[in-house]
Protein backbone atom coordinates (compact mmCIF):
# COMPACT_ATOMS: atom_id res chain seq x y z
CA MET A 1 -111.77 2.53 58.14
CA SER A 2 -111.74 6.01 59.33
CA HIS A 3 -113.78 7.00 62.51
CA TYR A 4 -115.55 9.70 60.53
CA GLN A 5 -116.76 9.63 56.87
CA ARG A 6 -115.71 13.18 56.58
CA HIS A 7 -114.07 15.74 58.84
CA LEU A 8 -114.17 19.46 58.37
CA PHE A 9 -111.32 21.51 60.22
CA ILE A 10 -112.20 25.08 60.34
CA CYS A 11 -109.26 27.52 61.41
CA THR A 12 -109.98 29.76 64.26
CA ASN A 13 -106.48 31.18 64.74
CA GLU A 14 -106.36 34.63 65.91
CA ARG A 15 -103.52 37.00 65.68
CA ALA A 16 -103.29 40.39 67.18
CA GLU A 17 -104.54 43.32 65.00
CA GLY A 18 -101.73 44.86 63.03
CA ALA A 19 -99.88 41.31 62.79
CA GLU A 20 -97.81 40.63 59.63
CA ARG A 21 -100.45 37.96 58.57
CA PRO A 22 -104.03 37.98 58.65
CA SER A 23 -105.97 35.67 60.83
CA CYS A 24 -109.02 33.69 60.23
CA ASN A 25 -110.80 34.45 63.71
CA LEU A 26 -110.70 38.09 62.84
CA CYS A 27 -112.91 37.32 59.91
CA GLY A 28 -115.38 35.53 61.97
CA SER A 29 -114.39 31.96 61.87
CA SER A 30 -115.34 31.07 65.26
CA ARG A 31 -118.86 32.11 64.71
CA VAL A 32 -118.94 30.03 61.39
CA LEU A 33 -117.60 27.12 63.26
CA MET A 34 -120.40 27.20 65.85
CA HIS A 35 -122.95 27.59 62.99
CA ALA A 36 -121.44 24.53 61.18
CA LYS A 37 -121.25 22.51 64.42
CA ALA A 38 -125.00 23.18 65.11
CA ARG A 39 -126.00 22.57 61.67
CA ILE A 40 -124.35 19.12 61.24
CA LYS A 41 -126.13 18.26 64.65
CA GLU A 42 -129.48 19.48 63.58
CA MET A 43 -129.20 17.30 60.34
CA GLY A 44 -128.28 14.29 62.41
CA LEU A 45 -124.91 13.95 60.63
CA ASN A 46 -122.82 14.21 63.60
CA GLY A 47 -120.92 11.16 65.50
CA ALA A 48 -118.90 8.24 64.56
CA GLY A 49 -119.07 7.09 60.98
CA LYS A 50 -120.58 10.42 59.97
CA VAL A 51 -119.21 14.00 59.87
CA ARG A 52 -117.09 15.76 62.48
CA VAL A 53 -116.77 19.53 62.43
CA GLN A 54 -113.78 20.83 64.70
CA ARG A 55 -111.85 23.91 65.20
CA ALA A 56 -108.25 24.11 63.97
CA GLY A 57 -105.28 26.17 64.90
CA CYS A 58 -103.37 28.01 62.14
CA LEU A 59 -103.87 26.08 58.60
CA ASP A 60 -101.10 28.35 57.15
CA ARG A 61 -103.01 29.61 54.31
CA CYS A 62 -103.73 32.89 56.01
CA GLU A 63 -103.40 35.07 52.83
CA GLU A 64 -106.28 33.22 51.11
CA GLY A 65 -109.00 34.30 53.67
CA PRO A 66 -110.68 32.33 56.38
CA THR A 67 -109.82 28.63 55.71
CA CYS A 68 -111.20 25.13 56.07
CA VAL A 69 -110.43 21.75 54.89
CA VAL A 70 -112.20 18.67 54.40
CA TYR A 71 -110.74 15.22 54.98
CA PRO A 72 -110.07 12.59 53.88
CA ASP A 73 -110.73 14.39 50.61
CA GLY A 74 -108.06 17.00 50.96
CA VAL A 75 -110.37 19.77 49.63
CA TRP A 76 -109.32 23.22 50.98
CA TYR A 77 -111.89 26.14 50.93
CA THR A 78 -112.09 29.80 51.95
CA PHE A 79 -115.31 31.11 53.03
CA VAL A 80 -117.07 34.55 53.95
CA ASP A 81 -120.05 33.65 56.08
CA GLU A 82 -122.54 30.88 57.17
CA GLU A 83 -124.08 30.83 53.70
CA ASP A 84 -120.75 29.53 52.16
CA ILE A 85 -120.43 27.08 55.10
CA ASP A 86 -124.01 25.86 54.42
CA GLU A 87 -123.01 25.29 50.72
CA ILE A 88 -120.07 23.12 51.66
CA ILE A 89 -122.07 21.24 54.01
CA ASP A 90 -124.84 20.56 51.58
CA SER A 91 -122.72 19.96 48.53
CA HIS A 92 -119.45 18.37 49.92
CA LEU A 93 -120.24 16.87 53.22
CA VAL A 94 -123.64 15.60 52.31
CA ASN A 95 -123.36 14.89 48.59
CA GLY A 96 -119.61 14.37 48.14
CA LYS A 97 -119.47 17.10 45.58
CA ALA A 98 -116.63 19.69 46.08
CA VAL A 99 -117.73 23.55 45.72
CA ASP A 100 -115.57 24.74 43.11
CA ARG A 101 -116.28 28.51 43.55
CA LEU A 102 -114.91 28.24 47.29
CA LYS A 103 -111.92 25.97 46.54
CA ILE A 104 -108.44 27.46 47.32
C-alpha cells in the first residue's frame, strides 16, 4: 500500500529568461503550489494515507505549459491559475475523477 492515496507533483523548475525551452515557474507554478498545499491542509486532506502536494523539478513537458502530475493515477495536467488547481483538487484528488479539459 502506498503511503499516500494520491500524490500531486507540481513542476516549479525555472530557467533563465530567453532559454530555449519555457519553464513552469516563470508561469507562476510556485504560487500555485503554495495555494494547493494550503488548500489541501485546510480541507484536512494532508498526511499519511491521504494527499501529498509536492514541488517537482523539471517534468520535461515544458512546451505544454505549467505541468503537474497525479500519482498513482499517472494523469498529467497543465494549468493556468489557482482556479484550475482547485478543479484538479476537487474533482481528481477528492472525487477520483480526472479533469479532461486540463489533461495533457
